[in-house]
């Protein structure tokens, strides 16, 4: 694969959302963009008008079609008010979906990166450093501090693009810091979402997943939020969605070929907290019940605590009836003024899950199974 076009801020990122991929490209200047998968065209458009004002382009394509084609071509042309014939440029990328027959699946997990994005990108190169392929990437919230600048969205996609080069899938879950700032209301316009929602299911090979969003970590009327939050209502709506998934007459998590069921959520909603972080406990207990009795996930991947641990059902962190092990892993820190980051390399193989915590030097700092 060659260099990316000059107008691209980074390589594309291909997010798995529902039954689709969302091909996302941050750009440096206004342009129109669309994609070709197989012999079909898909557009970044709004009710028949190609978008040009948004400096992050999102093109939604059917997952099955890109899995089969294993490549996509992005077409773009600069915006101009001139009436001359437009000049269209293109960029083609290979794409490697998760093989449903693959026994060993490598996943890298980033959470709570905040401002250590250079170090996080380096840490995520762990599998490449040992001569193995990464099958998909998880960005599990708080990749940056807040949404006070529009570039916040662009940087999310730059991190994903630098790691994956647009060639493998990405799963993105919103963190509580991602709900903050002047531009947080534009989340669904710039970030992966389904029907405007930051929670959804996904299917990658033999893995079926729930991407969940616990919202903010304090009550809506907390002074830090300037009386602008309605996350209690947000989680109420998310609960209805979770019921529709967990209690469906023909649940998609029981589809043929699914071997593993995972939950990705920034905050481990199975833990109990002291005030003011003791929010929505009854609802979180109900989430655990729905998952435990119906979905029966194999593992939850979490962040939020800037540390590393594995919590099993019945452990000290299990306050509401964990449906499965909770794996917390992601930490940014400064040591003598220097930024560092440690993330989690997961390998799923058969009925075993191996975890290696790796830093920006791609060195293993700890392990768990």
Protein backbone atom coordinates (compact mmCIF):
# COMPACT_ATOMS: atom_id res chain seq x y z
CA UNK A 1 0.00 0.00 0.00
CA UNK A 2 1.28 3.42 -0.93
CA UNK A 3 1.27 6.73 0.87
CA UNK A 4 -2.02 8.37 1.71
CA UNK A 5 -3.19 11.35 -0.38
CA UNK A 6 -2.04 14.79 0.70
CA UNK A 7 -5.57 15.85 1.62
CA UNK A 8 -5.94 12.99 4.15
CA UNK A 9 -5.00 13.76 7.75
CA UNK A 10 -4.29 10.06 8.31
CA UNK A 11 -5.02 6.62 6.98
CA UNK A 12 -8.72 5.69 7.03
CA UNK A 13 -10.26 3.83 9.97
CA UNK A 14 -12.91 1.15 9.42
CA UNK A 15 -15.32 0.89 12.36
CA UNK A 16 -17.59 -2.12 12.94
CA UNK A 17 -21.10 -0.91 13.78
CA UNK A 18 -24.10 -3.22 13.63
CA UNK A 19 -24.11 -5.00 10.27
CA UNK A 20 -22.04 -2.27 8.62
CA UNK A 21 -18.57 -0.82 8.50
CA UNK A 22 -18.16 2.95 8.71
CA UNK A 23 -15.10 3.99 6.71
CA UNK A 24 -13.90 7.22 8.31
CA UNK A 25 -11.32 9.65 6.95
CA UNK A 26 -10.21 12.94 8.53
CA UNK A 27 -9.19 15.47 5.87
CA UNK A 28 -7.26 18.74 5.79
CA UNK A 29 -9.62 20.75 3.60
CA UNK A 30 -13.12 20.63 2.19
CA UNK A 31 -13.85 17.84 -0.24
CA UNK A 32 -16.53 15.42 -1.32
CA UNK A 33 -15.99 11.70 -0.69
CA UNK A 34 -17.50 8.35 -1.60
CA UNK A 35 -16.40 4.73 -1.65
CA UNK A 36 -16.56 1.76 -3.99
CA UNK A 37 -16.86 -1.76 -2.60
CA UNK A 38 -17.09 -4.47 -5.22
CA UNK A 39 -19.11 -2.87 -7.99
CA UNK A 40 -21.24 -0.62 -5.73
CA UNK A 41 -20.81 3.02 -4.71
CA UNK A 42 -21.53 4.38 -1.25
CA UNK A 43 -21.53 8.09 -0.40
CA UNK A 44 -20.94 10.50 2.47
CA UNK A 45 -24.16 12.38 1.85
CA UNK A 46 -27.08 14.04 3.56
CA UNK A 47 -30.45 13.47 1.92
CA UNK A 48 -28.98 13.44 -1.57
CA UNK A 49 -26.34 16.15 -1.08
CA UNK A 50 -22.67 15.19 -0.81
CA UNK A 51 -21.12 16.50 2.39
CA UNK A 52 -18.21 18.96 2.22
CA UNK A 53 -18.21 21.08 5.40
CA UNK A 54 -17.36 18.31 7.83
CA UNK A 55 -13.61 17.61 7.96
CA UNK A 56 -14.24 14.01 8.98
CA UNK A 57 -15.86 11.93 6.25
CA UNK A 58 -17.92 8.83 7.10
CA UNK A 59 -19.03 6.35 4.46
CA UNK A 60 -21.22 3.45 5.59
CA UNK A 61 -20.87 0.19 3.66
CA UNK A 62 -22.43 -3.24 4.26
CA UNK A 63 -20.17 -5.46 6.34
CA UNK A 64 -20.80 -8.57 4.23
CA UNK A 65 -19.82 -6.79 1.02
CA UNK A 66 -16.52 -5.44 2.32
CA UNK A 67 -15.72 -8.79 3.96
CA UNK A 68 -16.12 -10.43 0.57
CA UNK A 69 -14.36 -7.75 -1.51
CA UNK A 70 -11.41 -7.38 0.91
CA UNK A 71 -10.64 -3.94 -0.48
CA UNK A 72 -12.27 -0.56 -0.95
CA UNK A 73 -11.55 2.49 -3.06
CA UNK A 74 -12.15 6.01 -1.74
CA UNK A 75 -12.95 8.68 -4.32
CA UNK A 76 -12.62 12.34 -3.44
CA UNK A 77 -12.58 15.73 -5.09
CA UNK A 78 -11.81 19.11 -3.65
CA UNK A 79 -14.67 21.47 -3.08
CA UNK A 80 -14.80 24.33 -5.53
CA UNK A 81 -17.43 26.86 -6.49
CA UNK A 82 -16.10 26.85 -10.07
CA UNK A 83 -18.25 25.31 -12.78
CA UNK A 84 -15.33 23.52 -14.41
CA UNK A 85 -15.35 19.74 -14.76
CA UNK A 86 -14.32 18.37 -11.31
CA UNK A 87 -11.11 16.37 -10.93
CA UNK A 88 -11.68 13.14 -9.00
CA UNK A 89 -8.82 11.37 -7.18
CA UNK A 90 -8.84 7.93 -5.61
CA UNK A 91 -7.17 5.82 -2.95
CA UNK A 92 -7.46 2.03 -2.69
CA UNK A 93 -6.88 0.06 0.50
CA UNK A 94 -6.82 -3.64 1.15
CA UNK A 95 -9.02 -4.91 3.99
CA UNK A 96 -8.63 -8.02 6.10
CA UNK A 97 -11.83 -9.04 7.90
CA UNK A 98 -11.71 -11.34 10.89
CA UNK A 99 -11.69 -14.87 9.49
CA UNK A 100 -14.64 -16.83 11.00
CA UNK A 101 -12.54 -20.00 10.90
CA UNK A 102 -9.51 -18.50 12.64
CA UNK A 103 -8.78 -20.16 15.96
CA UNK A 104 -6.30 -17.61 17.33
CA UNK A 105 -7.59 -14.02 17.38
CA UNK A 106 -5.37 -11.08 18.39
CA UNK A 107 -7.01 -7.90 19.67
CA UNK A 108 -5.35 -4.74 20.97
CA UNK A 109 -7.26 -2.66 23.53
CA UNK A 110 -6.68 1.04 24.23
CA UNK A 111 -8.51 2.95 26.96
CA UNK A 112 -7.77 6.15 28.89
CA UNK A 113 -5.10 7.31 26.48
CA UNK A 114 -5.88 10.99 27.13
CA UNK A 115 -2.90 12.96 25.74
CA UNK A 116 -0.47 10.04 25.35
CA UNK A 117 -1.62 9.17 21.83
CA UNK A 118 1.87 8.85 20.31
CA UNK A 119 2.83 6.37 23.01
CA UNK A 120 -0.46 4.49 22.63
CA UNK A 121 0.02 4.08 18.88
CA UNK A 122 3.45 2.64 19.55
CA UNK A 123 2.15 0.28 22.25
CA UNK A 124 -0.49 -1.03 19.86
CA UNK A 125 2.27 -2.23 17.55
CA UNK A 126 2.96 -5.11 19.92
CA UNK A 127 1.61 -7.89 17.71
CA UNK A 128 3.55 -6.59 14.71
CA UNK A 129 6.70 -6.53 16.85
CA UNK A 130 6.39 -10.26 17.57
CA UNK A 131 5.57 -11.13 13.97
CA UNK A 132 1.84 -11.70 14.40
CA UNK A 133 -1.21 -10.04 12.85
CA UNK A 134 -3.64 -7.96 14.84
CA UNK A 135 -7.19 -8.95 13.92
CA UNK A 136 -8.97 -5.87 15.22
CA UNK A 137 -8.49 -2.84 17.46
CA UNK A 138 -10.64 -1.67 20.37
CA UNK A 139 -10.71 2.01 21.33
CA UNK A 140 -12.49 1.91 24.67
CA UNK A 141 -13.07 5.51 25.65
CA UNK A 142 -11.20 8.59 26.84
CA UNK A 143 -8.75 8.50 23.97
CA UNK A 144 -8.54 12.27 24.49
CA UNK A 145 -9.48 14.49 27.38
CA UNK A 146 -12.67 16.20 26.18
CA UNK A 147 -14.44 17.74 23.21
CA UNK A 148 -13.53 21.39 23.70
CA UNK A 149 -11.97 21.53 20.24
CA UNK A 150 -13.23 20.07 16.99
CA UNK A 151 -9.86 18.41 16.31
CA UNK A 152 -10.67 16.04 19.19
CA UNK A 153 -12.72 13.95 16.77
CA UNK A 154 -10.01 14.04 14.13
CA UNK A 155 -7.42 12.78 16.60
CA UNK A 156 -9.54 9.72 17.47
CA UNK A 157 -9.51 8.71 13.83
CA UNK A 158 -5.82 9.51 13.44
CA UNK A 159 -4.99 7.13 16.28
CA UNK A 160 -7.16 4.40 14.75
CA UNK A 161 -5.77 5.06 11.27
CA UNK A 162 -2.13 5.09 12.35
CA UNK A 163 -2.55 1.73 14.07
CA UNK A 164 -4.73 -0.11 11.53
CA UNK A 165 -3.96 1.80 8.27
CA UNK A 166 -7.60 1.22 7.39
CA UNK A 167 -6.88 -2.46 6.75
CA UNK A 168 -8.55 -4.14 9.76
CA UNK A 169 -11.70 -3.38 11.79
CA UNK A 170 -11.96 -1.04 14.78
CA UNK A 171 -14.50 -1.16 17.62
CA UNK A 172 -15.09 2.16 19.38
CA UNK A 173 -16.82 2.73 22.73
CA UNK A 174 -17.43 6.21 24.14
CA UNK A 175 -15.82 7.16 27.45
CA UNK A 176 -17.10 9.56 30.08
CA UNK A 177 -14.58 12.24 29.08
CA UNK A 178 -15.85 11.92 25.53
CA UNK A 179 -19.17 13.34 26.73
CA UNK A 180 -17.60 16.61 27.86
CA UNK A 181 -16.71 19.83 26.12
CA UNK A 182 -18.10 22.35 23.67
CA UNK A 183 -18.35 19.92 20.76
CA UNK A 184 -19.49 16.76 22.57
CA UNK A 185 -22.98 17.22 21.11
CA UNK A 186 -21.53 16.46 17.67
CA UNK A 187 -20.37 12.99 18.70
CA UNK A 188 -22.73 11.07 16.42
CA UNK A 189 -21.82 13.27 13.43
CA UNK A 190 -18.09 12.63 13.69
CA UNK A 191 -17.78 9.30 15.49
CA UNK A 192 -19.11 5.76 14.95
CA UNK A 193 -22.81 5.53 15.79
CA UNK A 194 -25.91 3.60 14.79
CA UNK A 195 -29.12 5.57 14.32
CA UNK A 196 -27.39 8.39 16.19
CA UNK A 197 -26.67 6.17 19.20
CA UNK A 198 -23.26 5.42 20.72
CA UNK A 199 -24.32 1.86 21.64
CA UNK A 200 -24.71 -0.99 19.17
CA UNK A 201 -23.88 -4.59 18.39
CA UNK A 202 -21.14 -5.81 16.05
CA UNK A 203 -20.01 -9.06 14.44
CA UNK A 204 -16.38 -9.81 13.58
CA UNK A 205 -15.82 -13.36 12.36
CA UNK A 206 -16.73 -15.75 15.15
CA UNK A 207 -17.04 -12.87 17.65
CA UNK A 208 -20.32 -11.13 18.44
CA UNK A 209 -20.19 -8.06 20.60
CA UNK A 210 -22.15 -5.41 22.45
CA UNK A 211 -20.67 -1.93 22.48
CA UNK A 212 -22.24 -0.20 25.50
CA UNK A 213 -22.08 3.32 26.92
CA UNK A 214 -22.47 4.04 30.64
CA UNK A 215 -22.35 7.80 30.02
CA UNK A 216 -21.00 10.16 32.64
CA UNK A 217 -19.82 8.94 36.04
CA UNK A 218 -21.60 11.44 38.31
CA UNK A 219 -25.25 12.61 38.66
CA UNK A 220 -26.66 14.78 35.89
CA UNK A 221 -27.05 17.76 38.24
CA UNK A 222 -23.39 17.72 39.26
CA UNK A 223 -21.92 21.23 38.94
CA UNK A 224 -19.12 19.99 36.68
CA UNK A 225 -21.64 19.42 33.88
CA UNK A 226 -23.11 22.93 33.85
CA UNK A 227 -26.64 21.44 34.08
CA UNK A 228 -26.37 20.21 30.48
CA UNK A 229 -26.54 16.43 31.02
CA UNK A 230 -29.50 14.06 30.79
CA UNK A 231 -27.64 10.78 31.05
CA UNK A 232 -30.29 9.23 33.26
CA UNK A 233 -32.66 9.49 30.28
CA UNK A 234 -29.89 8.32 27.96
CA UNK A 235 -29.31 5.15 30.00
CA UNK A 236 -33.08 4.57 30.21
CA UNK A 237 -33.23 4.50 26.40
CA UNK A 238 -30.12 2.30 26.25
CA UNK A 239 -31.82 -0.15 28.62
CA UNK A 240 -34.76 -0.48 26.24
CA UNK A 241 -32.31 -1.20 23.43
CA UNK A 242 -30.46 -3.76 25.56
CA UNK A 243 -33.76 -5.48 26.32
CA UNK A 244 -34.55 -5.64 22.60
CA UNK A 245 -31.20 -7.33 21.97
CA UNK A 246 -31.07 -9.65 24.98
CA UNK A 247 -34.73 -10.70 24.91
CA UNK A 248 -35.21 -10.92 21.14
CA UNK A 249 -37.27 -13.85 19.86
CA UNK A 250 -34.37 -14.83 17.59
CA UNK A 251 -31.31 -13.30 19.28
CA UNK A 252 -28.48 -12.42 16.93
CA UNK A 253 -25.94 -13.48 19.58
CA UNK A 254 -27.06 -17.06 18.93
CA UNK A 255 -26.45 -16.87 15.18
CA UNK A 256 -24.60 -19.72 13.54
CA UNK A 257 -20.83 -19.45 13.69
CA UNK A 258 -20.61 -17.33 16.83
CA UNK A 259 -18.09 -18.78 19.28
CA UNK A 260 -17.40 -15.79 21.51
CA UNK A 261 -19.62 -13.06 22.94
CA UNK A 262 -17.96 -9.93 24.34
CA UNK A 263 -19.09 -6.67 25.91
CA UNK A 264 -17.08 -3.50 25.35
CA UNK A 265 -17.82 -0.62 27.72
CA UNK A 266 -15.53 2.10 29.00
CA UNK A 267 -16.80 2.04 32.59
CA UNK A 268 -17.18 -1.32 34.38
CA UNK A 269 -20.80 -0.84 35.44
CA UNK A 270 -20.52 -3.91 37.70
CA UNK A 271 -18.61 -1.97 40.39
CA UNK A 272 -20.04 -0.02 43.34
CA UNK A 273 -18.70 3.48 44.02
CA UNK A 274 -18.69 6.09 46.72
CA UNK A 275 -20.60 9.38 46.21
CA UNK A 276 -20.79 11.23 43.89
CA UNK A 277 -19.97 8.29 41.63
CA UNK A 278 -22.72 6.00 42.97
CA UNK A 279 -25.07 6.55 40.05
CA UNK A 280 -27.81 4.38 38.54
CA UNK A 281 -27.02 1.30 40.64
CA UNK A 282 -30.42 -0.30 40.17
CA UNK A 283 -30.19 0.08 36.39
CA UNK A 284 -26.64 -1.26 36.25
CA UNK A 285 -27.75 -4.28 38.27
CA UNK A 286 -30.51 -4.83 35.71
CA UNK A 287 -27.98 -4.61 32.87
CA UNK A 288 -25.95 -7.31 34.59
CA UNK A 289 -29.05 -9.47 34.99
CA UNK A 290 -30.01 -9.15 31.31
CA UNK A 291 -26.51 -10.05 30.22
CA UNK A 292 -26.01 -12.83 32.78
CA UNK A 293 -29.31 -14.60 32.15
CA UNK A 294 -29.64 -14.09 28.41
CA UNK A 295 -26.58 -13.00 26.44
CA UNK A 296 -24.11 -14.89 28.67
CA UNK A 297 -21.00 -13.06 27.42
CA UNK A 298 -17.60 -14.64 27.78
CA UNK A 299 -15.78 -11.44 28.71
CA UNK A 300 -16.22 -7.69 29.30
CA UNK A 301 -13.47 -5.30 28.19
CA UNK A 302 -13.32 -2.10 30.25
CA UNK A 303 -11.20 0.91 31.07
CA UNK A 304 -11.92 4.01 33.17
CA UNK A 305 -9.74 3.15 36.17
CA UNK A 306 -6.31 3.80 34.65
CA UNK A 307 -4.99 0.48 35.88
CA UNK A 308 -4.99 -3.26 35.13
CA UNK A 309 -6.95 -6.05 36.74
CA UNK A 310 -9.18 -9.04 36.05
CA UNK A 311 -12.40 -9.19 38.08
CA UNK A 312 -14.17 -12.55 38.16
CA UNK A 313 -17.83 -13.00 39.16
CA UNK A 314 -18.01 -12.92 42.95
CA UNK A 315 -14.77 -10.97 43.36
CA UNK A 316 -14.51 -7.79 45.46
CA UNK A 317 -15.39 -5.56 42.47
CA UNK A 318 -18.53 -7.53 41.63
CA UNK A 319 -21.33 -5.51 43.23
CA UNK A 320 -24.25 -6.24 40.92
CA UNK A 321 -23.79 -9.79 39.66
CA UNK A 322 -21.11 -9.75 36.98
CA UNK A 323 -22.18 -11.74 33.93
CA UNK A 324 -18.57 -12.73 33.13
CA UNK A 325 -14.96 -11.71 33.84
CA UNK A 326 -14.27 -7.97 33.56
CA UNK A 327 -10.87 -7.11 32.11
CA UNK A 328 -9.70 -3.57 32.87
CA UNK A 329 -6.60 -2.43 31.01
CA UNK A 330 -5.22 0.93 29.91
CA UNK A 331 -3.01 3.50 31.61
CA UNK A 332 -1.37 6.78 30.60
CA UNK A 333 1.16 8.30 32.97
CA UNK A 334 3.99 10.79 33.22
CA UNK A 335 7.28 9.73 34.74
CA UNK A 336 9.76 12.55 35.32
CA UNK A 337 7.93 14.65 32.74
CA UNK A 338 7.91 11.96 30.06
CA UNK A 339 4.67 10.48 28.72
CA UNK A 340 4.13 6.74 28.86
CA UNK A 341 1.27 4.44 27.94
CA UNK A 342 0.47 0.78 28.60
CA UNK A 343 -2.37 -1.02 26.83
CA UNK A 344 -3.70 -4.57 26.64
CA UNK A 345 -2.94 -7.21 24.02
CA UNK A 346 -5.63 -9.90 24.09
CA UNK A 347 -5.29 -13.29 22.41
CA UNK A 348 -8.40 -15.48 22.21
CA UNK A 349 -7.72 -19.12 21.39
CA UNK A 350 -10.17 -21.92 22.06
CA UNK A 351 -11.48 -21.53 25.59
CA UNK A 352 -8.46 -19.51 26.74
CA UNK A 353 -7.83 -15.77 26.87
CA UNK A 354 -4.29 -14.52 27.31
CA UNK A 355 -3.62 -10.88 28.24
CA UNK A 356 -0.31 -9.08 27.94
CA UNK A 357 0.04 -5.50 29.14
CA UNK A 358 2.49 -3.76 26.79
CA UNK A 359 4.04 -0.30 26.86
CA UNK A 360 5.18 2.13 24.18
CA UNK A 361 8.45 0.20 23.85
CA UNK A 362 6.30 -2.89 23.09
CA UNK A 363 7.64 -4.57 26.17
CA UNK A 364 5.40 -6.85 28.23
CA UNK A 365 4.89 -5.28 31.66
CA UNK A 366 2.51 -7.93 33.00
CA UNK A 367 0.32 -10.90 32.08
CA UNK A 368 -3.01 -12.45 33.00
CA UNK A 369 -5.12 -15.37 31.84
